[in-house]
PDB file of all heavy atoms in Angstrom:
ATOM      1  N   GLY A   1      35.725-163.957 193.780  1.00  0.00           N
ATOM      2  CA  GLY A   1      34.454-164.523 193.276  1.00  0.00           C
ATOM      3  C   GLY A   1      33.271-163.706 193.757  1.00  0.00           C
ATOM      4  O   GLY A   1      32.183-163.903 193.254  1.00  0.00           O
ATOM      5  N   ARG A   2      33.418-162.783 194.736  1.00  0.00           N
ATOM      6  CA  ARG A   2      32.327-161.982 195.212  1.00  0.00           C
ATOM      7  C   ARG A   2      32.568-160.505 194.890  1.00  0.00           C
ATOM      8  O   ARG A   2      31.604-159.801 194.619  1.00  0.00           O
ATOM      9  CB  ARG A   2      32.186-162.139 196.734  1.00  0.00           C
ATOM     10  CG  ARG A   2      31.833-163.497 197.183  1.00  0.00           C
ATOM     11  CD  ARG A   2      31.452-163.556 198.658  1.00  0.00           C
ATOM     12  NE  ARG A   2      32.571-163.086 199.508  1.00  0.00           N
ATOM     13  CZ  ARG A   2      32.491-162.122 200.401  1.00  0.00           C
ATOM     14  NH1 ARG A   2      31.351-161.473 200.577  1.00  0.00           N
ATOM     15  NH2 ARG A   2      33.544-161.851 201.171  1.00  0.00           N
ATOM     16  N   PHE A   3      33.803-160.039 194.936  1.00  0.00           N
ATOM     17  CA  PHE A   3      34.134-158.630 194.716  1.00  0.00           C
ATOM     18  C   PHE A   3      34.848-158.503 193.382  1.00  0.00           C
ATOM     19  O   PHE A   3      35.589-159.352 193.005  1.00  0.00           O
ATOM     20  CB  PHE A   3      35.043-158.058 195.824  1.00  0.00           C
ATOM     21  CG  PHE A   3      34.437-157.946 197.189  1.00  0.00           C
ATOM     22  CD1 PHE A   3      33.145-158.505 197.445  1.00  0.00           C
ATOM     23  CD2 PHE A   3      35.087-157.278 198.173  1.00  0.00           C
ATOM     24  CE1 PHE A   3      32.596-158.368 198.722  1.00  0.00           C
ATOM     25  CE2 PHE A   3      34.529-157.161 199.433  1.00  0.00           C
ATOM     26  CZ  PHE A   3      33.309-157.718 199.739  1.00  0.00           C
ATOM     27  N   THR A   4      34.638-157.340 192.718  1.00  0.00           N
ATOM     28  CA  THR A   4      35.305-157.078 191.465  1.00  0.00           C
ATOM     29  C   THR A   4      35.849-155.625 191.494  1.00  0.00           C
ATOM     30  O   THR A   4      35.084-154.669 191.753  1.00  0.00           O
ATOM     31  CB  THR A   4      34.343-157.234 190.270  1.00  0.00           C
ATOM     32  OG1 THR A   4      33.803-158.542 190.262  1.00  0.00           O
ATOM     33  CG2 THR A   4      35.091-156.954 188.997  1.00  0.00           C
ATOM     34  N   ILE A   5      37.126-155.519 191.213  1.00  0.00           N
ATOM     35  CA  ILE A   5      37.735-154.192 191.099  1.00  0.00           C
ATOM     36  C   ILE A   5      37.811-153.804 189.637  1.00  0.00           C
ATOM     37  O   ILE A   5      37.988-154.622 188.754  1.00  0.00           O
ATOM     38  CB  ILE A   5      39.152-154.148 191.766  1.00  0.00           C
ATOM     39  CG1 ILE A   5      39.688-152.722 191.807  1.00  0.00           C
ATOM     40  CG2 ILE A   5      40.097-155.091 190.978  1.00  0.00           C
ATOM     41  CD1 ILE A   5      40.977-152.615 192.655  1.00  0.00           C
ATOM     42  N   SER A   6      37.517-152.524 189.333  1.00  0.00           N
ATOM     43  CA  SER A   6      37.531-152.050 187.958  1.00  0.00           C
ATOM     44  C   SER A   6      38.045-150.655 187.929  1.00  0.00           C
ATOM     45  O   SER A   6      38.134-149.958 188.939  1.00  0.00           O
ATOM     46  CB  SER A   6      36.217-152.188 187.278  1.00  0.00           C
ATOM     47  OG  SER A   6      35.183-151.398 187.986  1.00  0.00           O
ATOM     48  N   LEU A   7      38.455-150.251 186.754  1.00  0.00           N
ATOM     49  CA  LEU A   7      39.016-148.929 186.499  1.00  0.00           C
ATOM     50  C   LEU A   7      38.421-148.379 185.273  1.00  0.00           C
ATOM     51  O   LEU A   7      38.334-149.064 184.229  1.00  0.00           O
ATOM     52  CB  LEU A   7      40.568-149.102 186.312  1.00  0.00           C
ATOM     53  CG  LEU A   7      41.402-147.863 185.971  1.00  0.00           C
ATOM     54  CD1 LEU A   7      41.515-146.925 187.097  1.00  0.00           C
ATOM     55  CD2 LEU A   7      42.760-148.328 185.471  1.00  0.00           C
ATOM     56  N   ASP A   8      37.993-147.113 185.272  1.00  0.00           N
ATOM     57  CA  ASP A   8      37.417-146.492 184.118  1.00  0.00           C
ATOM     58  C   ASP A   8      38.444-145.594 183.419  1.00  0.00           C
ATOM     59  O   ASP A   8      39.565-145.461 183.891  1.00  0.00           O
ATOM     60  CB  ASP A   8      36.103-145.814 184.435  1.00  0.00           C
ATOM     61  CG  ASP A   8      36.247-144.526 185.229  1.00  0.00           C
ATOM     62  OD1 ASP A   8      37.378-144.020 185.386  1.00  0.00           O
ATOM     63  OD2 ASP A   8      35.238-144.053 185.754  1.00  0.00           O
ATOM     64  N   ASN A   9      38.047-145.012 182.296  1.00  0.00           N
ATOM     65  CA  ASN A   9      38.985-144.175 181.556  1.00  0.00           C
ATOM     66  C   ASN A   9      39.435-142.938 182.193  1.00  0.00           C
ATOM     67  O   ASN A   9      40.463-142.342 181.852  1.00  0.00           O
ATOM     68  CB  ASN A   9      38.380-143.875 180.180  1.00  0.00           C
ATOM     69  CG  ASN A   9      38.241-145.069 179.255  1.00  0.00           C
ATOM     70  OD1 ASN A   9      38.972-146.027 179.415  1.00  0.00           O
ATOM     71  ND2 ASN A   9      37.304-145.012 178.342  1.00  0.00           N
ATOM     72  N   ALA A  10      38.681-142.491 183.227  1.00  0.00           N
ATOM     73  CA  ALA A  10      39.032-141.293 184.007  1.00  0.00           C
ATOM     74  C   ALA A  10      39.886-141.665 185.216  1.00  0.00           C
ATOM     75  O   ALA A  10      40.136-140.802 186.050  1.00  0.00           O
ATOM     76  CB  ALA A  10      37.796-140.554 184.424  1.00  0.00           C
ATOM     77  N   LYS A  11      40.357-142.878 185.363  1.00  0.00           N
ATOM     78  CA  LYS A  11      41.134-143.403 186.419  1.00  0.00           C
ATOM     79  C   LYS A  11      40.364-143.482 187.747  1.00  0.00           C
ATOM     80  O   LYS A  11      40.975-143.507 188.819  1.00  0.00           O
ATOM     81  CB  LYS A  11      42.427-142.565 186.590  1.00  0.00           C
ATOM     82  CG  LYS A  11      43.332-142.564 185.357  1.00  0.00           C
ATOM     83  CD  LYS A  11      43.783-143.913 185.015  1.00  0.00           C
ATOM     84  CE  LYS A  11      44.866-143.867 183.931  1.00  0.00           C
ATOM     85  NZ  LYS A  11      44.287-143.489 182.599  1.00  0.00           N
ATOM     86  N   ASN A  12      39.085-143.529 187.690  1.00  0.00           N
ATOM     87  CA  ASN A  12      38.269-143.852 188.858  1.00  0.00           C
ATOM     88  C   ASN A  12      38.299-145.348 189.070  1.00  0.00           C
ATOM     89  O   ASN A  12      38.278-146.103 188.123  1.00  0.00           O
ATOM     90  CB  ASN A  12      36.844-143.334 188.668  1.00  0.00           C
ATOM     91  CG  ASN A  12      36.773-141.866 188.449  1.00  0.00           C
ATOM     92  OD1 ASN A  12      37.347-141.096 189.196  1.00  0.00           O
ATOM     93  ND2 ASN A  12      36.056-141.469 187.399  1.00  0.00           N
ATOM     94  N   ILE A  13      38.292-145.740 190.297  1.00  0.00           N
ATOM     95  CA  ILE A  13      38.274-147.220 190.596  1.00  0.00           C
ATOM     96  C   ILE A  13      36.968-147.505 191.315  1.00  0.00           C
ATOM     97  O   ILE A  13      36.403-146.675 192.026  1.00  0.00           O
ATOM     98  CB  ILE A  13      39.446-147.689 191.439  1.00  0.00           C
ATOM     99  CG1 ILE A  13      39.563-146.891 192.741  1.00  0.00           C
ATOM    100  CG2 ILE A  13      40.730-147.574 190.608  1.00  0.00           C
ATOM    101  CD1 ILE A  13      40.557-147.622 193.709  1.00  0.00           C
ATOM    102  N   TYR A  14      36.519-148.765 191.136  1.00  0.00           N
ATOM    103  CA  TYR A  14      35.260-149.234 191.713  1.00  0.00           C
ATOM    104  C   TYR A  14      35.466-150.562 192.353  1.00  0.00           C
ATOM    105  O   TYR A  14      36.395-151.351 192.035  1.00  0.00           O
ATOM    106  CB  TYR A  14      34.220-149.363 190.610  1.00  0.00           C
ATOM    107  CG  TYR A  14      33.988-148.090 189.813  1.00  0.00           C
ATOM    108  CD1 TYR A  14      34.723-147.807 188.717  1.00  0.00           C
ATOM    109  CD2 TYR A  14      33.097-147.189 190.264  1.00  0.00           C
ATOM    110  CE1 TYR A  14      34.595-146.625 187.985  1.00  0.00           C
ATOM    111  CE2 TYR A  14      32.858-145.962 189.561  1.00  0.00           C
ATOM    112  CZ  TYR A  14      33.639-145.716 188.450  1.00  0.00           C
ATOM    113  OH  TYR A  14      33.461-144.505 187.732  1.00  0.00           O
ATOM    114  N   LEU A  15      34.644-150.840 193.342  1.00  0.00           N
ATOM    115  CA  LEU A  15      34.645-152.161 193.969  1.00  0.00           C
ATOM    116  C   LEU A  15      33.201-152.628 193.998  1.00  0.00           C
ATOM    117  O   LEU A  15      32.403-152.110 194.759  1.00  0.00           O
ATOM    118  CB  LEU A  15      35.239-152.138 195.358  1.00  0.00           C
ATOM    119  CG  LEU A  15      35.426-153.497 195.965  1.00  0.00           C
ATOM    120  CD1 LEU A  15      36.497-154.315 195.248  1.00  0.00           C
ATOM    121  CD2 LEU A  15      35.795-153.423 197.463  1.00  0.00           C
ATOM    122  N   GLN A  16      32.884-153.546 193.120  1.00  0.00           N
ATOM    123  CA  GLN A  16      31.564-154.128 193.134  1.00  0.00           C
ATOM    124  C   GLN A  16      31.571-155.308 194.120  1.00  0.00           C
ATOM    125  O   GLN A  16      32.312-156.202 194.024  1.00  0.00           O
ATOM    126  CB  GLN A  16      31.185-154.629 191.745  1.00  0.00           C
ATOM    127  CG  GLN A  16      29.807-155.361 191.669  1.00  0.00           C
ATOM    128  CD  GLN A  16      28.664-154.389 191.961  1.00  0.00           C
ATOM    129  OE1 GLN A  16      28.579-153.318 191.351  1.00  0.00           O
ATOM    130  NE2 GLN A  16      27.741-154.813 192.813  1.00  0.00           N
ATOM    131  N   MET A  17      30.697-155.211 195.144  1.00  0.00           N
ATOM    132  CA  MET A  17      30.697-156.162 196.213  1.00  0.00           C
ATOM    133  C   MET A  17      29.319-156.898 196.183  1.00  0.00           C
ATOM    134  O   MET A  17      28.293-156.285 196.357  1.00  0.00           O
ATOM    135  CB  MET A  17      30.869-155.486 197.554  1.00  0.00           C
ATOM    136  CG  MET A  17      32.136-154.652 197.654  1.00  0.00           C
ATOM    137  SD  MET A  17      32.467-154.078 199.358  1.00  0.00           S
ATOM    138  CE  MET A  17      31.051-152.986 199.554  1.00  0.00           C
ATOM    139  N   ASN A  18      29.369-158.220 195.943  1.00  0.00           N
ATOM    140  CA  ASN A  18      28.166-159.019 195.886  1.00  0.00           C
ATOM    141  C   ASN A  18      28.276-160.063 196.975  1.00  0.00           C
ATOM    142  O   ASN A  18      29.293-160.350 197.522  1.00  0.00           O
ATOM    143  CB  ASN A  18      28.093-159.730 194.525  1.00  0.00           C
ATOM    144  CG  ASN A  18      27.966-158.731 193.367  1.00  0.00           C
ATOM    145  OD1 ASN A  18      27.323-157.690 193.499  1.00  0.00           O
ATOM    146  ND2 ASN A  18      28.519-159.142 192.213  1.00  0.00           N
ATOM    147  N   SER A  19      27.098-160.629 197.307  1.00  0.00           N
ATOM    148  CA  SER A  19      27.019-161.705 198.266  1.00  0.00           C
ATOM    149  C   SER A  19      27.649-161.271 199.618  1.00  0.00           C
ATOM    150  O   SER A  19      28.435-162.011 200.209  1.00  0.00           O
ATOM    151  CB  SER A  19      27.652-162.992 197.766  1.00  0.00           C
ATOM    152  OG  SER A  19      27.014-163.413 196.588  1.00  0.00           O
ATOM    153  N   LEU A  20      27.284-160.061 200.059  1.00  0.00           N
ATOM    154  CA  LEU A  20      27.910-159.548 201.261  1.00  0.00           C
ATOM    155  C   LEU A  20      27.550-160.370 202.505  1.00  0.00           C
ATOM    156  O   LEU A  20      26.413-160.866 202.603  1.00  0.00           O
ATOM    157  CB  LEU A  20      27.549-158.087 201.454  1.00  0.00           C
ATOM    158  CG  LEU A  20      28.249-157.147 200.512  1.00  0.00           C
ATOM    159  CD1 LEU A  20      27.552-155.772 200.460  1.00  0.00           C
ATOM    160  CD2 LEU A  20      29.704-156.968 200.987  1.00  0.00           C
ATOM    161  N   ARG A  21      28.525-160.500 203.393  1.00  0.00           N
ATOM    162  CA  ARG A  21      28.323-161.220 204.633  1.00  0.00           C
ATOM    163  C   ARG A  21      28.553-160.312 205.818  1.00  0.00           C
ATOM    164  O   ARG A  21      29.216-159.265 205.662  1.00  0.00           O
ATOM    165  CB  ARG A  21      29.378-162.367 204.688  1.00  0.00           C
ATOM    166  CG  ARG A  21      29.386-163.284 203.473  1.00  0.00           C
ATOM    167  CD  ARG A  21      30.676-164.085 203.394  1.00  0.00           C
ATOM    168  NE  ARG A  21      30.724-164.972 202.241  1.00  0.00           N
ATOM    169  CZ  ARG A  21      31.778-165.586 201.813  1.00  0.00           C
ATOM    170  NH1 ARG A  21      32.915-165.458 202.477  1.00  0.00           N
ATOM    171  NH2 ARG A  21      31.671-166.429 200.776  1.00  0.00           N
ATOM    172  N   PRO A  22      28.047-160.693 206.976  1.00  0.00           N
ATOM    173  CA  PRO A  22      28.239-159.847 208.154  1.00  0.00           C
ATOM    174  C   PRO A  22      29.723-159.550 208.447  1.00  0.00           C
ATOM    175  O   PRO A  22      30.108-158.472 208.893  1.00  0.00           O
ATOM    176  CB  PRO A  22      27.611-160.662 209.285  1.00  0.00           C
ATOM    177  CG  PRO A  22      26.539-161.412 208.630  1.00  0.00           C
ATOM    178  CD  PRO A  22      27.087-161.769 207.303  1.00  0.00           C
ATOM    179  N   GLU A  23      30.579-160.507 208.170  1.00  0.00           N
ATOM    180  CA  GLU A  23      31.981-160.313 208.387  1.00  0.00           C
ATOM    181  C   GLU A  23      32.654-159.282 207.405  1.00  0.00           C
ATOM    182  O   GLU A  23      33.819-158.979 207.570  1.00  0.00           O
ATOM    183  CB  GLU A  23      32.783-161.631 208.357  1.00  0.00           C
ATOM    184  CG  GLU A  23      32.587-162.435 207.052  1.00  0.00           C
ATOM    185  CD  GLU A  23      31.520-163.492 207.214  1.00  0.00           C
ATOM    186  OE1 GLU A  23      30.491-163.254 207.841  1.00  0.00           O
ATOM    187  OE2 GLU A  23      31.731-164.623 206.661  1.00  0.00           O
ATOM    188  N   ASP A  24      31.928-158.913 206.377  1.00  0.00           N
ATOM    189  CA  ASP A  24      32.417-157.908 205.481  1.00  0.00           C
ATOM    190  C   ASP A  24      32.247-156.487 206.017  1.00  0.00           C
ATOM    191  O   ASP A  24      32.741-155.531 205.403  1.00  0.00           O
ATOM    192  CB  ASP A  24      31.694-157.999 204.103  1.00  0.00           C
ATOM    193  CG  ASP A  24      32.040-159.258 203.339  1.00  0.00           C
ATOM    194  OD1 ASP A  24      33.178-159.685 203.355  1.00  0.00           O
ATOM    195  OD2 ASP A  24      31.112-159.835 202.740  1.00  0.00           O
ATOM    196  N   ALA A  25      31.479-156.286 207.079  1.00  0.00           N
ATOM    197  CA  ALA A  25      31.295-155.013 207.665  1.00  0.00           C
ATOM    198  C   ALA A  25      32.591-154.422 208.154  1.00  0.00           C
ATOM    199  O   ALA A  25      33.361-155.052 208.885  1.00  0.00           O
ATOM    200  CB  ALA A  25      30.297-155.101 208.819  1.00  0.00           C
ATOM    201  N   ALA A  26      32.877-153.196 207.658  1.00  0.00           N
ATOM    202  CA  ALA A  26      34.157-152.562 207.968  1.00  0.00           C
ATOM    203  C   ALA A  26      34.135-151.164 207.369  1.00  0.00           C
ATOM    204  O   ALA A  26      33.236-150.819 206.630  1.00  0.00           O
ATOM    205  CB  ALA A  26      35.346-153.364 207.432  1.00  0.00           C
ATOM    206  N   MET A  27      35.183-150.394 207.671  1.00  0.00           N
ATOM    207  CA  MET A  27      35.471-149.171 206.937  1.00  0.00           C
ATOM    208  C   MET A  27      36.318-149.572 205.658  1.00  0.00           C
ATOM    209  O   MET A  27      37.322-150.283 205.829  1.00  0.00           O
ATOM    210  CB  MET A  27      36.251-148.225 207.787  1.00  0.00           C
ATOM    211  CG  MET A  27      36.409-146.809 207.143  1.00  0.00           C
ATOM    212  SD  MET A  27      34.864-145.890 207.080  1.00  0.00           S
ATOM    213  CE  MET A  27      34.704-145.430 208.793  1.00  0.00           C
ATOM    214  N   TYR A  28      35.883-149.147 204.558  1.00  0.00           N
ATOM    215  CA  TYR A  28      36.556-149.485 203.295  1.00  0.00           C
ATOM    216  C   TYR A  28      37.305-148.261 202.757  1.00  0.00           C
ATOM    217  O   TYR A  28      36.757-147.148 202.753  1.00  0.00           O
ATOM    218  CB  TYR A  28      35.511-149.944 202.247  1.00  0.00           C
ATOM    219  CG  TYR A  28      35.072-151.379 202.482  1.00  0.00           C
ATOM    220  CD1 TYR A  28      34.316-151.722 203.572  1.00  0.00           C
ATOM    221  CD2 TYR A  28      35.454-152.398 201.605  1.00  0.00           C
ATOM    222  CE1 TYR A  28      33.915-153.011 203.796  1.00  0.00           C
ATOM    223  CE2 TYR A  28      35.080-153.697 201.795  1.00  0.00           C
ATOM    224  CZ  TYR A  28      34.303-153.996 202.903  1.00  0.00           C
ATOM    225  OH  TYR A  28      33.924-155.350 203.135  1.00  0.00           O
ATOM    226  N   TYR A  29      38.491-148.513 202.350  1.00  0.00           N
ATOM    227  CA  TYR A  29      39.376-147.438 201.857  1.00  0.00           C
ATOM    228  C   TYR A  29      39.913-147.765 200.413  1.00  0.00           C
ATOM    229  O   TYR A  29      40.257-148.911 200.137  1.00  0.00           O
ATOM    230  CB  TYR A  29      40.588-147.290 202.745  1.00  0.00           C
ATOM    231  CG  TYR A  29      40.262-146.949 204.211  1.00  0.00           C
ATOM    232  CD1 TYR A  29      40.127-147.965 205.118  1.00  0.00           C
ATOM    233  CD2 TYR A  29      40.198-145.648 204.580  1.00  0.00           C
ATOM    234  CE1 TYR A  29      39.820-147.654 206.436  1.00  0.00           C
ATOM    235  CE2 TYR A  29      39.939-145.348 205.977  1.00  0.00           C
ATOM    236  CZ  TYR A  29      39.737-146.373 206.842  1.00  0.00           C
ATOM    237  OH  TYR A  29      39.484-146.053 208.182  1.00  0.00           O
ATOM    238  N   CYS A  30      39.977-146.766 199.607  1.00  0.00           N
ATOM    239  CA  CYS A  30      40.767-146.883 198.383  1.00  0.00           C
ATOM    240  C   CYS A  30      42.154-146.279 198.578  1.00  0.00           C
ATOM    241  O   CYS A  30      42.298-145.404 199.439  1.00  0.00           O
ATOM    242  CB  CYS A  30      40.077-146.276 197.201  1.00  0.00           C
ATOM    243  SG  CYS A  30      39.780-144.485 197.225  1.00  0.00           S
ATOM    244  N   ALA A  31      43.077-146.776 197.810  1.00  0.00           N
ATOM    245  CA  ALA A  31      44.469-146.307 198.000  1.00  0.00           C
ATOM    246  C   ALA A  31      45.195-146.339 196.679  1.00  0.00           C
ATOM    247  O   ALA A  31      44.790-147.085 195.739  1.00  0.00           O
ATOM    248  CB  ALA A  31      45.200-147.225 198.994  1.00  0.00           C
ATOM    249  N   ALA A  32      46.236-145.592 196.584  1.00  0.00           N
ATOM    250  CA  ALA A  32      47.072-145.515 195.358  1.00  0.00           C
ATOM    251  C   ALA A  32      48.556-145.529 195.772  1.00  0.00           C
ATOM    252  O   ALA A  32      48.955-144.908 196.787  1.00  0.00           O
ATOM    253  CB  ALA A  32      46.779-144.262 194.517  1.00  0.00           C
ATOM    254  N   GLY A  33      49.398-146.207 194.993  1.00  0.00           N
ATOM    255  CA  GLY A  33      50.792-146.242 195.201  1.00  0.00           C
ATOM    256  C   GLY A  33      51.536-146.629 193.927  1.00  0.00           C
ATOM    257  O   GLY A  33      50.939-147.161 193.004  1.00  0.00           O
ATOM    258  N   ARG A  34      52.836-146.310 193.940  1.00  0.00           N
ATOM    259  CA  ARG A  34      53.606-146.632 192.740  1.00  0.00           C
ATOM    260  C   ARG A  34      54.001-148.045 192.756  1.00  0.00           C
ATOM    261  O   ARG A  34      54.353-148.678 193.734  1.00  0.00           O
ATOM    262  CB  ARG A  34      54.907-145.788 192.776  1.00  0.00           C
ATOM    263  CG  ARG A  34      54.680-144.229 192.724  1.00  0.00           C
ATOM    264  CD  ARG A  34      54.096-143.826 191.382  1.00  0.00           C
ATOM    265  NE  ARG A  34      54.930-144.069 190.274  1.00  0.00           N
ATOM    266  CZ  ARG A  34      55.903-143.257 189.842  1.00  0.00           C
ATOM    267  NH1 ARG A  34      56.081-142.077 190.457  1.00  0.00           N
ATOM    268  NH2 ARG A  34      56.643-143.530 188.795  1.00  0.00           N
ATOM    269  N   ILE A  35      53.961-148.684 191.532  1.00  0.00           N
ATOM    270  CA  ILE A  35      54.418-149.999 191.339  1.00  0.00           C
ATOM    271  C   ILE A  35      55.962-150.053 191.325  1.00  0.00           C
ATOM    272  O   ILE A  35      56.546-149.149 190.741  1.00  0.00           O
ATOM    273  CB  ILE A  35      53.790-150.701 190.115  1.00  0.00           C
ATOM    274  CG1 ILE A  35      53.991-152.215 190.127  1.00  0.00           C
ATOM    275  CG2 ILE A  35      54.349-150.075 188.822  1.00  0.00           C
ATOM    276  CD1 ILE A  35      53.170-152.905 189.069  1.00  0.00           C
ATOM    277  N   LYS A  36      56.566-151.017 191.917  1.00  0.00           N
ATOM    278  CA  LYS A  36      57.990-151.168 191.915  1.00  0.00           C
ATOM    279  C   LYS A  36      58.466-152.466 191.222  1.00  0.00           C
ATOM    280  O   LYS A  36      59.531-152.492 190.618  1.00  0.00           O
ATOM    281  CB  LYS A  36      58.521-151.124 193.330  1.00  0.00           C
ATOM    282  CG  LYS A  36      58.308-149.823 194.030  1.00  0.00           C
ATOM    283  CD  LYS A  36      58.877-149.826 195.434  1.00  0.00           C
ATOM    284  CE  LYS A  36      58.652-148.508 196.154  1.00  0.00           C
ATOM    285  NZ  LYS A  36      59.162-148.508 197.553  1.00  0.00           N
ATOM    286  N   GLY A  37      57.703-153.511 191.354  1.00  0.00           N
ATOM    287  CA  GLY A  37      58.032-154.773 190.751  1.00  0.00           C
ATOM    288  C   GLY A  37      57.004-155.168 189.694  1.00  0.00           C
ATOM    289  O   GLY A  37      56.285-154.326 189.205  1.00  0.00           O
ATOM    290  N   PRO A  38      56.953-156.445 189.436  1.00  0.00           N
ATOM    291  CA  PRO A  38      55.986-156.941 188.415  1.00  0.00           C
ATOM    292  C   PRO A  38      54.531-156.902 188.853  1.00  0.00           C
ATOM    293  O   PRO A  38      53.651-156.888 188.025  1.00  0.00           O
ATOM    294  CB  PRO A  38      56.470-158.380 188.131  1.00  0.00           C
ATOM    295  CG  PRO A  38      57.123-158.812 189.374  1.00  0.00           C
ATOM    296  CD  PRO A  38      57.820-157.573 189.916  1.00  0.00           C
ATOM    297  N   ASN A  39      54.294-156.887 190.187  1.00  0.00           N
ATOM    298  CA  ASN A  39      52.912-156.909 190.688  1.00  0.00           C
ATOM    299  C   ASN A  39      52.689-155.727 191.686  1.00  0.00           C
ATOM    300  O   ASN A  39      53.648-155.222 192.269  1.00  0.00           O
ATOM    301  CB  ASN A  39      52.728-158.228 191.458  1.00  0.00           C
ATOM    302  CG  ASN A  39      52.973-159.456 190.645  1.00  0.00           C
ATOM    303  OD1 ASN A  39      53.885-160.206 190.904  1.00  0.00           O
ATOM    304  ND2 ASN A  39      52.189-159.587 189.586  1.00  0.00           N
ATOM    305  N   CYS A  40      51.488-155.360 191.796  1.00  0.00           N
ATOM    306  CA  CYS A  40      51.089-154.313 192.730  1.00  0.00           C
ATOM    307  C   CYS A  40      51.331-154.834 194.174  1.00  0.00           C
ATOM    308  O   CYS A  40      51.129-156.011 194.441  1.00  0.00           O
ATOM    309  CB  CYS A  40      49.661-153.928 192.563  1.00  0.00           C
ATOM    310  SG  CYS A  40      49.284-152.960 191.084  1.00  0.00           S
ATOM    311  N   PRO A  41      51.668-153.941 195.074  1.00  0.00           N
ATOM    312  CA  PRO A  41      51.873-154.365 196.466  1.00  0.00           C
ATOM    313  C   PRO A  41      50.519-154.729 197.111  1.00  0.00           C
ATOM    314  O   PRO A  41      49.435-154.286 196.709  1.00  0.00           O
ATOM    315  CB  PRO A  41      52.534-153.188 197.150  1.00  0.00           C
ATOM    316  CG  PRO A  41      52.109-151.986 196.309  1.00  0.00           C
ATOM    317  CD  PRO A  41      52.068-152.581 194.893  1.00  0.00           C
ATOM    318  N   ARG A  42      50.591-155.582 198.169  1.00  0.00           N
ATOM    319  CA  ARG A  42      49.382-156.018 198.818  1.00  0.00           C
ATOM    320  C   ARG A  42      49.300-155.416 200.250  1.00  0.00           C
ATOM    321  O   ARG A  42      48.199-155.497 200.816  1.00  0.00           O
ATOM    322  CB  ARG A  42      49.359-157.496 198.924  1.00  0.00           C
ATOM    323  CG  ARG A  42      49.362-158.236 197.576  1.00  0.00           C
ATOM    324  CD  ARG A  42      49.446-159.705 197.727  1.00  0.00           C
ATOM    325  NE  ARG A  42      49.593-160.379 196.392  1.00  0.00           N
ATOM    326  CZ  ARG A  42      49.707-161.657 196.258  1.00  0.00           C
ATOM    327  NH1 ARG A  42      49.681-162.474 197.285  1.00  0.00           N
ATOM    328  NH2 ARG A  42      49.910-162.172 194.982  1.00  0.00           N
ATOM    329  N   ASN A  43      50.384-154.871 200.777  1.00  0.00           N
ATOM    330  CA  ASN A  43      50.393-154.342 202.126  1.00  0.00           C
ATOM    331  C   ASN A  43      49.983-152.872 202.107  1.00  0.00           C
ATOM    332  O   ASN A  43      50.402-152.096 201.265  1.00  0.00           O
ATOM    333  CB  ASN A  43      51.784-154.522 202.739  1.00  0.00           C
ATOM    334  CG  ASN A  43      52.136-155.942 202.952  1.00  0.00           C
ATOM    335  OD1 ASN A  43      51.323-156.781 203.287  1.00  0.00           O
ATOM    336  ND2 ASN A  43      53.468-156.255 202.808  1.00  0.00           N
TER     337      ASN A  43
END
């Protein structure tokens, strides 16, 4: 409800972050991996 992930035609990914809170402060990383099952991994 606050963050939105998106993908453009060039395979760039974005994270739109709204309503940021102090607890959101962190180092943010993007990552890529192969899908193995019906859903993307979360770990």
